C-alpha atoms as a PDB file:
ATOM      1  CA  MET A   1     185.108 108.849 218.055  1.00  0.00           C
ATOM      2  CA  LEU A   2     182.218 108.428 220.477  1.00  0.00           C
ATOM      3  CA  VAL A   3     182.605 108.963 224.229  1.00  0.00           C
ATOM      4  CA  SER A   4     180.121 109.391 227.053  1.00  0.00           C
ATOM      5  CA  VAL A   5     180.226 112.655 229.026  1.00  0.00           C
ATOM      6  CA  ASN A   6     178.100 112.694 232.173  1.00  0.00           C
ATOM      7  CA  ASN A   7     176.050 109.845 230.671  1.00  0.00           C
ATOM      8  CA  GLN A   8     175.439 111.703 227.387  1.00  0.00           C
ATOM      9  CA  PRO A   9     176.988 110.541 224.099  1.00  0.00           C
ATOM     10  CA  VAL A  10     179.444 112.994 222.549  1.00  0.00           C
ATOM     11  CA  GLU A  11     180.898 112.534 219.071  1.00  0.00           C
ATOM     12  CA  LEU A  12     184.403 113.945 218.808  1.00  0.00           C
ATOM     13  CA  PRO A  13     185.616 115.387 215.514  1.00  0.00           C
ATOM     14  CA  PRO A  14     188.543 113.665 213.795  1.00  0.00           C
ATOM     15  CA  GLY A  15     191.808 114.473 215.550  1.00  0.00           C
ATOM     16  CA  ALA A  16     190.156 115.538 218.820  1.00  0.00           C
ATOM     17  CA  THR A  17     191.480 112.632 220.813  1.00  0.00           C
ATOM     18  CA  THR A  18     192.831 114.237 223.979  1.00  0.00           C
ATOM     19  CA  LEU A  19     190.960 115.100 227.133  1.00  0.00           C
ATOM     20  CA  ASN A  20     191.986 118.743 226.795  1.00  0.00           C
ATOM     21  CA  LEU A  21     190.488 118.961 223.282  1.00  0.00           C
ATOM     22  CA  LEU A  22     187.239 117.414 224.536  1.00  0.00           C
ATOM     23  CA  LEU A  23     187.088 119.968 227.354  1.00  0.00           C
ATOM     24  CA  GLN A  24     187.730 122.785 224.862  1.00  0.00           C
ATOM     25  CA  GLN A  25     184.886 121.511 222.679  1.00  0.00           C
ATOM     26  CA  LEU A  26     182.578 121.473 225.714  1.00  0.00           C
ATOM     27  CA  GLN A  27     183.852 124.914 226.874  1.00  0.00           C
ATOM     28  CA  PHE A  28     185.302 123.570 230.124  1.00  0.00           C
ATOM     29  CA  ALA A  29     189.031 123.903 229.330  1.00  0.00           C
ATOM     30  CA  ASP A  30     189.620 127.268 231.032  1.00  0.00           C
ATOM     31  CA  LYS A  31     187.211 126.851 233.925  1.00  0.00           C
ATOM     32  CA  LYS A  32     188.422 126.569 237.490  1.00  0.00           C
ATOM     33  CA  GLY A  33     186.878 124.230 240.028  1.00  0.00           C
ATOM     34  CA  ILE A  34     186.262 121.237 237.791  1.00  0.00           C
ATOM     35  CA  ALA A  35     187.406 117.664 238.176  1.00  0.00           C
ATOM     36  CA  VAL A  36     187.418 114.981 235.512  1.00  0.00           C
ATOM     37  CA  ALA A  37     187.197 111.219 235.910  1.00  0.00           C
ATOM     38  CA  ILE A  38     187.492 108.639 233.167  1.00  0.00           C
ATOM     39  CA  GLN A  39     186.174 105.155 233.889  1.00  0.00           C
ATOM     40  CA  ASP A  40     185.665 106.405 237.500  1.00  0.00           C
ATOM     41  CA  GLN A  41     189.357 107.322 237.936  1.00  0.00           C
ATOM     42  CA  ILE A  42     190.250 110.969 238.648  1.00  0.00           C
ATOM     43  CA  ILE A  43     192.576 112.408 236.006  1.00  0.00           C
ATOM     44  CA  PRO A  44     195.051 115.036 237.302  1.00  0.00           C
ATOM     45  CA  ARG A  45     194.625 118.397 235.588  1.00  0.00           C
ATOM     46  CA  SER A  46     198.329 118.469 234.692  1.00  0.00           C
ATOM     47  CA  THR A  47     197.814 115.434 232.422  1.00  0.00           C
ATOM     48  CA  TRP A  48     194.729 116.692 230.537  1.00  0.00           C
ATOM     49  CA  PRO A  49     196.646 118.036 227.494  1.00  0.00           C
ATOM     50  CA  ALA A  50     198.291 114.668 226.802  1.00  0.00           C
ATOM     51  CA  TYR A  51     195.624 112.269 228.096  1.00  0.00           C
ATOM     52  CA  ALA A  52     194.498 110.188 225.106  1.00  0.00           C
ATOM     53  CA  LEU A  53     190.810 109.330 224.998  1.00  0.00           C
ATOM     54  CA  GLN A  54     189.654 105.936 223.777  1.00  0.00           C
ATOM     55  CA  GLU A  55     186.470 104.964 221.953  1.00  0.00           C
ATOM     56  CA  ASN A  56     183.552 104.576 224.416  1.00  0.00           C
ATOM     57  CA  ASP A  57     185.399 106.170 227.357  1.00  0.00           C
ATOM     58  CA  LYS A  58     183.070 107.157 230.199  1.00  0.00           C
ATOM     59  CA  VAL A  59     183.979 110.748 231.120  1.00  0.00           C
ATOM     60  CA  THR A  60     182.550 112.393 234.225  1.00  0.00           C
ATOM     61  CA  ILE A  61     182.946 116.155 234.672  1.00  0.00           C
ATOM     62  CA  ILE A  62     182.207 117.583 238.110  1.00  0.00           C
ATOM     63  CA  GLN A  63     182.041 121.318 238.748  1.00  0.00           C
ATOM     64  CA  ALA A  64     182.373 122.736 242.258  1.00  0.00           C
ATOM     65  CA  THR A  65     179.571 125.008 243.407  1.00  0.00           C
ATOM     66  CA  GLN A  66     179.171 127.340 246.342  1.00  0.00           C
ATOM     67  CA  GLY A  67     176.335 127.100 248.733  1.00  0.00           C
ATOM     68  CA  GLY A  68     175.404 127.000 252.297  1.00  0.00           C
END
């Protein structure tokens, strides 16, 4: 399945159809301070394990940074 992550195409392996599995593949699953939107709608972290991705979903991952 092909999805877009931060405007870059990502091919998911067979069976990797949940948001949580995508984040594991991209090494974001255990990170704090990230937010995820799909089709410009924020997805609550509590739903990531069960959130089913669809072909051509537009996924945006935002990571908080510190600065001054």
